[in-house]
Protein backbone atom coordinates (compact mmCIF):
# COMPACT_ATOMS: atom_id res chain seq x y z
CA MET A 1 25.54 -4.84 -11.03
CA ASN A 2 27.32 -1.58 -11.92
CA ASP A 3 29.30 -2.81 -14.94
CA ALA A 4 29.25 -0.63 -18.04
CA THR A 5 27.00 -2.89 -20.13
CA HIS A 6 24.40 -3.06 -17.38
CA CYS A 7 24.50 0.70 -16.81
CA LEU A 8 24.11 1.38 -20.52
CA GLY A 9 21.03 -0.82 -20.47
CA LEU A 10 19.60 1.20 -17.60
CA LEU A 11 20.36 4.42 -19.47
CA ARG A 12 18.61 3.21 -22.61
CA GLN A 13 15.50 2.27 -20.67
CA MET A 14 15.32 5.66 -18.97
CA ILE A 15 15.81 7.53 -22.25
CA MET A 16 13.16 5.34 -23.87
CA ILE A 17 10.66 6.26 -21.17
CA ARG A 18 11.54 9.97 -21.39
CA ARG A 19 11.23 10.15 -25.18
CA PHE A 20 8.04 8.08 -25.15
CA GLU A 21 6.47 10.46 -22.63
CA GLU A 22 7.56 13.53 -24.58
CA LYS A 23 5.98 12.09 -27.72
CA CYS A 24 2.79 11.26 -25.79
CA ALA A 25 2.52 14.89 -24.66
CA GLU A 26 2.91 16.00 -28.28
CA LEU A 27 0.25 13.56 -29.50
CA TYR A 28 -2.07 14.64 -26.71
CA THR A 29 -1.96 18.26 -27.89
CA GLN A 30 -2.87 16.96 -31.36
CA GLU A 31 -5.88 15.17 -29.78
CA LYS A 32 -4.68 11.80 -30.99
CA ILE A 33 -4.57 10.70 -27.35
CA ARG A 34 -7.61 11.61 -25.28
CA GLY A 35 -8.73 11.38 -21.67
CA PHE A 36 -6.52 11.78 -18.62
CA MET A 37 -2.80 11.21 -18.99
CA HIS A 38 -0.09 11.39 -16.33
CA LEU A 39 3.53 11.52 -17.44
CA TYR A 40 6.58 10.06 -15.72
CA ASN A 41 9.29 12.58 -16.68
CA GLY A 42 11.86 12.82 -13.90
CA GLU A 43 10.84 9.62 -12.12
CA GLU A 44 12.36 7.15 -14.59
CA ALA A 45 15.06 5.96 -12.18
CA VAL A 46 12.47 4.43 -9.86
CA ALA A 47 10.75 2.13 -12.35
CA VAL A 48 13.94 1.19 -14.17
CA GLY A 49 15.98 0.59 -11.02
CA ALA A 50 13.31 -1.44 -9.25
CA MET A 51 12.37 -3.53 -12.28
CA GLN A 52 15.91 -4.95 -12.56
CA VAL A 53 15.42 -7.12 -9.48
CA LEU A 54 12.10 -8.66 -10.52
CA ARG A 55 11.75 -11.99 -12.29
CA ALA A 56 9.33 -13.07 -15.01
CA GLU A 57 7.14 -14.88 -12.45
CA ASP A 58 6.80 -11.78 -10.25
CA ALA A 59 3.79 -9.48 -10.46
CA ILE A 60 3.65 -5.71 -10.84
CA VAL A 61 0.84 -3.40 -9.79
CA ALA A 62 1.36 0.19 -10.89
CA THR A 63 -0.17 3.63 -10.46
CA TYR A 64 -2.06 5.69 -13.02
CA ARG A 65 1.36 7.22 -13.89
CA GLU A 66 2.38 3.87 -15.34
CA HIS A 67 3.84 4.20 -18.84
CA GLY A 68 7.35 4.03 -17.39
CA HIS A 69 6.60 0.92 -15.36
CA ALA A 70 5.09 -0.82 -18.37
CA LEU A 71 8.03 -0.02 -20.65
CA ALA A 72 10.57 -1.02 -17.99
CA ARG A 73 8.73 -4.32 -17.51
CA GLY A 74 9.08 -5.06 -21.21
CA MET A 75 5.70 -4.11 -22.64
CA SER A 76 6.09 -2.98 -26.23
CA ALA A 77 5.79 0.69 -27.08
CA SER A 78 3.40 -0.27 -29.88
CA SER A 79 1.02 -2.05 -27.51
CA ILE A 80 0.99 0.92 -25.13
CA MET A 81 0.62 3.53 -27.85
CA ALA A 82 -2.23 1.65 -29.53
CA GLU A 83 -3.97 1.48 -26.15
CA MET A 84 -3.74 5.23 -25.71
CA PHE A 85 -5.08 5.73 -29.22
CA GLY A 86 -8.09 3.64 -28.19
CA LYS A 87 -7.34 0.89 -30.71
CA GLN A 88 -8.18 -2.80 -30.39
CA GLU A 89 -4.52 -3.68 -30.88
CA GLY A 90 -3.70 -2.00 -27.57
CA CYS A 91 -2.78 -4.00 -24.48
CA SER A 92 -6.30 -3.55 -23.06
CA ARG A 93 -8.07 -3.57 -26.44
CA GLY A 94 -8.25 0.23 -26.34
CA ARG A 95 -10.68 0.16 -23.43
CA GLY A 96 -8.30 1.19 -20.68
CA GLY A 97 -6.28 4.05 -22.08
CA SER A 98 -3.33 5.64 -20.33
CA MET A 99 -4.31 4.66 -16.79
CA HIS A 100 -5.19 1.00 -17.35
CA LEU A 101 -2.34 -0.78 -19.10
CA PHE A 102 -2.36 -4.56 -18.62
CA ASP A 103 -0.34 -7.53 -19.82
CA LYS A 104 -1.13 -11.00 -18.50
CA ALA A 105 1.99 -12.61 -19.98
CA LEU A 106 4.23 -10.09 -18.26
CA ARG A 107 2.21 -10.32 -15.03
CA PHE A 108 1.71 -6.58 -15.30
CA TYR A 109 -1.56 -5.97 -13.50
CA GLY A 110 -1.77 -2.46 -14.64
CA GLY A 111 -2.50 0.96 -13.36
CA ASN A 112 -5.39 2.07 -11.24
CA ALA A 113 -7.24 5.36 -11.61
CA VAL A 114 -7.95 5.41 -7.86
CA VAL A 115 -5.17 6.80 -5.65
CA GLY A 116 -3.82 3.83 -3.69
CA GLY A 117 -6.35 1.55 -5.37
CA GLY A 118 -3.69 -0.89 -6.51
CA MET A 119 -2.53 -1.71 -2.99
CA PRO A 120 -5.38 -4.10 -2.08
CA VAL A 121 -4.97 -5.79 -5.47
CA ALA A 122 -1.26 -6.29 -4.78
CA LEU A 123 -2.00 -7.79 -1.39
CA GLY A 124 -4.46 -10.21 -2.98
CA LEU A 125 -1.84 -11.36 -5.50
CA ALA A 126 0.75 -11.73 -2.74
CA LEU A 127 -1.69 -13.67 -0.54
CA ALA A 128 -2.43 -16.06 -3.41
CA ASP A 129 1.29 -16.69 -3.89
CA LYS A 130 1.77 -17.35 -0.18
CA MET A 131 -1.16 -19.77 -0.03
CA ARG A 132 0.32 -21.67 -2.99
CA ASN A 133 3.82 -21.68 -1.45
CA GLN A 134 5.25 -19.91 -4.48
CA GLN A 135 8.46 -17.91 -4.12
CA ARG A 136 7.23 -14.85 -5.94
CA VAL A 137 7.34 -11.11 -5.35
CA THR A 138 4.42 -8.79 -5.94
CA CYS A 139 5.82 -5.31 -6.50
CA CYS A 140 3.36 -2.50 -5.83
CA PHE A 141 4.12 1.08 -6.88
CA PHE A 142 2.16 4.00 -5.42
CA GLY A 143 2.69 7.71 -4.79
CA ASP A 144 3.01 9.81 -1.66
CA GLY A 145 -0.63 10.81 -2.06
CA ALA A 146 -1.61 7.19 -1.38
CA ALA A 147 -0.05 7.46 2.08
CA ALA A 148 -2.97 9.70 3.06
CA GLU A 149 -5.52 7.08 2.03
CA GLY A 150 -7.11 4.50 4.30
CA GLU A 151 -6.04 1.54 2.21
CA PHE A 152 -2.38 2.50 2.73
CA HIS A 153 -2.69 1.85 6.45
CA GLU A 154 -4.99 -1.15 6.08
CA CYS A 155 -2.71 -2.78 3.54
CA LEU A 156 0.53 -2.14 5.43
CA ASN A 157 -1.05 -3.57 8.56
CA LEU A 158 -2.32 -6.72 6.80
CA ALA A 159 0.92 -7.19 4.84
CA ALA A 160 2.93 -7.14 8.06
CA LEU A 161 0.41 -9.17 10.05
CA TRP A 162 0.24 -11.96 7.46
CA LYS A 163 3.90 -11.64 6.34
CA LEU A 164 2.84 -11.28 2.72
CA PRO A 165 5.45 -11.42 -0.08
CA VAL A 166 4.96 -7.87 -1.28
CA LEU A 167 7.51 -5.19 -2.14
CA LEU A 168 5.91 -1.79 -1.54
CA ILE A 169 7.54 1.06 -3.47
CA CYS A 170 6.42 4.59 -2.68
CA GLU A 171 7.27 7.08 -5.41
CA ASN A 172 7.40 10.18 -3.24
CA ASN A 173 7.36 13.11 -5.67
CA ARG A 174 6.39 15.49 -2.85
CA TYR A 175 3.20 16.87 -4.34
CA ALA A 176 0.70 14.02 -4.75
CA MET A 177 -1.80 15.62 -7.14
CA GLY A 178 -1.05 19.20 -6.20
CA THR A 179 -0.61 19.46 -2.43
CA ARG A 180 2.88 19.72 -0.98
CA LEU A 181 3.82 16.83 1.27
CA ASP A 182 4.18 18.89 4.45
CA TYR A 183 0.75 20.42 3.90
CA SER A 184 -0.97 17.04 4.04
CA HIS A 185 1.26 14.81 6.19
CA ALA A 186 2.17 15.47 9.81
CA VAL A 187 5.02 12.96 9.41
CA THR A 188 6.73 13.50 6.06
CA ASP A 189 9.23 10.65 6.46
CA LEU A 190 7.06 8.01 4.81
CA ALA A 191 9.55 5.22 5.43
CA LYS A 192 9.12 5.83 9.16
CA ARG A 193 5.37 5.52 8.79
CA ALA A 194 5.83 2.11 7.17
CA GLY A 195 8.26 1.10 9.88
CA ALA A 196 5.55 1.74 12.44
CA TYR A 197 3.75 -1.30 11.03
CA GLY A 198 6.70 -3.53 11.83
CA MET A 199 8.19 -3.92 8.37
CA PRO A 200 11.69 -3.03 7.15
CA ALA A 201 11.52 0.37 5.45
CA VAL A 202 14.27 2.28 3.65
CA ALA A 203 14.36 5.74 2.05
CA VAL A 204 16.45 6.02 -1.10
CA ASP A 205 17.40 8.71 -3.63
CA GLY A 206 14.81 8.16 -6.33
CA MET A 207 16.78 10.31 -8.78
CA ASP A 208 19.64 7.77 -8.82
CA VAL A 209 18.83 4.59 -10.76
CA LEU A 210 21.77 2.68 -9.27
CA ALA A 211 20.76 3.65 -5.73
CA VAL A 212 17.21 2.44 -6.36
CA GLU A 213 18.46 -0.84 -7.79
CA ALA A 214 20.90 -1.34 -4.91
CA ALA A 215 18.12 -0.84 -2.35
CA ALA A 216 15.67 -3.03 -4.27
CA ILE A 217 17.99 -6.05 -4.50
CA PRO A 218 18.01 -7.03 -0.80
CA ALA A 219 14.39 -5.93 -0.36
CA ALA A 220 13.14 -8.18 -3.18
CA GLU A 221 15.22 -11.12 -1.99
CA ALA A 222 13.88 -10.76 1.55
CA VAL A 223 10.32 -10.78 0.20
CA ARG A 224 11.01 -13.75 -2.07
CA PHE A 225 12.39 -15.92 0.70
CA GLY A 226 9.63 -15.49 3.22
CA GLN A 227 10.73 -12.55 5.34
CA GLY A 228 7.50 -10.65 4.75
CA PRO A 229 6.83 -7.23 3.23
CA GLN A 230 9.52 -4.64 2.51
CA PHE A 231 9.01 -0.91 1.94
CA LEU A 232 11.09 1.43 -0.20
CA GLU A 233 10.45 5.17 -0.21
CA CYS A 234 11.99 6.52 -3.41
CA ARG A 235 12.34 10.28 -3.05
CA THR A 236 11.87 11.60 -6.54
CA TYR A 237 10.32 14.50 -8.47
CA ARG A 238 8.14 14.82 -11.54
CA PHE A 239 9.23 17.47 -14.01
CA ARG A 240 5.81 17.89 -15.59
CA ALA A 241 2.45 18.80 -14.10
CA HIS A 242 0.37 16.15 -12.36
CA SER A 243 -1.62 15.49 -15.53
CA MET A 244 -2.12 17.08 -18.92
CA TYR A 245 -5.09 18.99 -17.48
CA ASP A 246 -3.11 20.43 -14.56
CA PRO A 247 -2.33 24.21 -14.73
CA GLU A 248 0.41 23.59 -12.10
CA LEU A 249 -0.20 26.65 -9.92
CA TYR A 250 0.96 25.00 -6.70
CA ARG A 251 4.74 24.98 -7.13
CA ASP A 252 7.37 27.48 -8.16
CA LYS A 253 9.00 27.11 -11.58
CA ALA A 254 12.39 27.80 -10.03
CA GLU A 255 11.94 24.74 -7.82
CA VAL A 256 11.26 22.57 -10.85
CA GLU A 257 14.38 23.88 -12.58
CA GLU A 258 16.45 23.20 -9.47
CA TRP A 259 15.26 19.58 -9.39
CA LYS A 260 16.05 19.19 -13.09
CA LYS A 261 19.69 19.59 -12.14
CA ARG A 262 19.31 16.15 -10.53
CA ASP A 263 17.80 14.60 -13.68
CA PRO A 264 18.60 10.86 -13.46
CA ILE A 265 19.44 10.55 -17.17
CA PRO A 266 22.32 13.07 -17.49
CA ALA A 267 23.47 11.98 -14.01
CA LEU A 268 24.02 8.42 -15.25
CA ILE A 269 25.62 9.66 -18.48
CA ARG A 270 28.12 11.69 -16.46
CA ARG A 271 28.89 8.70 -14.26
CA LEU A 272 29.53 6.48 -17.26
CA GLN A 273 31.73 9.06 -18.95
CA GLU A 274 33.73 9.62 -15.77
CA ASP A 275 34.37 5.86 -15.69
CA GLY A 276 35.65 6.01 -19.26
CA THR A 277 32.65 4.33 -20.87
CA LYS A 278 31.71 5.31 -24.41
CA VAL A 279 27.99 6.06 -24.19
CA GLY A 280 27.06 6.25 -27.87
CA LEU A 281 24.20 8.61 -27.12
CA GLU A 282 23.41 9.41 -30.75
CA GLN A 283 22.94 5.75 -31.62
CA ILE A 284 20.73 5.20 -28.57
CA GLU A 285 18.56 8.20 -29.41
CA ARG A 286 18.28 7.17 -33.05
CA ALA A 287 17.18 3.64 -32.21
CA ILE A 288 14.63 4.88 -29.66
CA ALA A 289 13.22 7.46 -32.08
CA GLN A 290 12.74 4.71 -34.66
CA GLU A 291 11.00 2.46 -32.13
CA ILE A 292 8.63 5.23 -31.09
CA ASP A 293 7.88 6.14 -34.72
CA GLN A 294 7.00 2.50 -35.36
CA ALA A 295 4.74 2.49 -32.31
CA ILE A 296 2.87 5.56 -33.56
CA ALA A 297 2.49 4.05 -37.02
CA PHE A 298 1.16 0.84 -35.46
CA ALA A 299 -1.34 2.79 -33.35
CA GLU A 300 -2.53 4.93 -36.25
CA ALA A 301 -3.03 1.85 -38.42
CA GLY A 302 -4.98 0.11 -35.66
CA THR A 303 -8.73 -0.49 -35.63
CA LEU A 304 -11.44 0.90 -33.41
CA GLU A 305 -13.85 -1.53 -31.80
CA PRO A 306 -17.17 -1.79 -33.62
CA VAL A 307 -20.25 -0.38 -31.90
CA GLU A 308 -21.67 -3.91 -31.79
CA ASP A 309 -19.00 -4.80 -29.20
CA LEU A 310 -20.12 -2.09 -26.78
CA THR A 311 -21.38 -4.57 -24.18
CA ARG A 312 -18.68 -7.17 -24.79
CA PHE A 313 -16.65 -7.99 -21.66
CA VAL A 314 -19.12 -6.10 -19.47
CA TYR A 315 -20.38 -9.46 -18.25
CA SER A 316 -18.56 -12.78 -18.37
CA GLU A 317 -19.36 -14.78 -21.46
CA PRO A 318 -20.21 -18.49 -21.36
CA ALA A 319 -17.61 -20.83 -22.80
CA LEU A 320 -18.40 -22.02 -26.31
């Protein structure tokens, strides 16, 4: 899987996510995007690496830090941007915003504003697949903060007990919302905690897209062919604050700068160049900038829902 063409594809996806997030931060300061917004800068290798092993029929359940997952799954930048602008042309008709992206065709069952709230949803999807004898994977992303929630333990127990086809990916960025991992967890090796429930669990360098992909390949195949749940702890780091409202007083700036030295994007560029691959970075950046500009134009030209639709979708509507 490490051929030059494949690696260049991984690089483009990570740069796309990074530039999209940077533009979102800019638009947020201009008040074109409102509400809560959580950016994925620094964690791109996890979504991009893991998504390579999933098929079209597989399902994805993400966290509220989900723009990267959605883009890596193939959701259009225009659909996501329109959603964050609150426009009807958005993937959730402008009703979900940053934390509730959704795409039925892509089997992307969106983010969840509740920490760990996507885990029971993922188990339900996986249980449905098992009952229908379908060889599918439900991939559930969640953060280290979710490991302190009750549903983490309940879901790991049920997944193992019922041998559900679910790939559990913990994006351990060490701070949850703003509390350092060793301040809130007596056992900081989260893969070991998953192993205690009787499922295979592996810790991987979440700043290395190829390492994430390499770990995800056997894990996804084991899930797909009836071996029960698999757990990946991707040890990563977010370069930005928890959310756009976060003053980020809980970690030292020098620590952030030290982690930036492990940025997954330049790391992959260096690896490609060392292998003699021509990266063509300028062309990649130019194409991505154009795609993001088109997404913004699409969002700005979109339409707001009329007031008359305020109660629409609140209750199910009878078929006509």
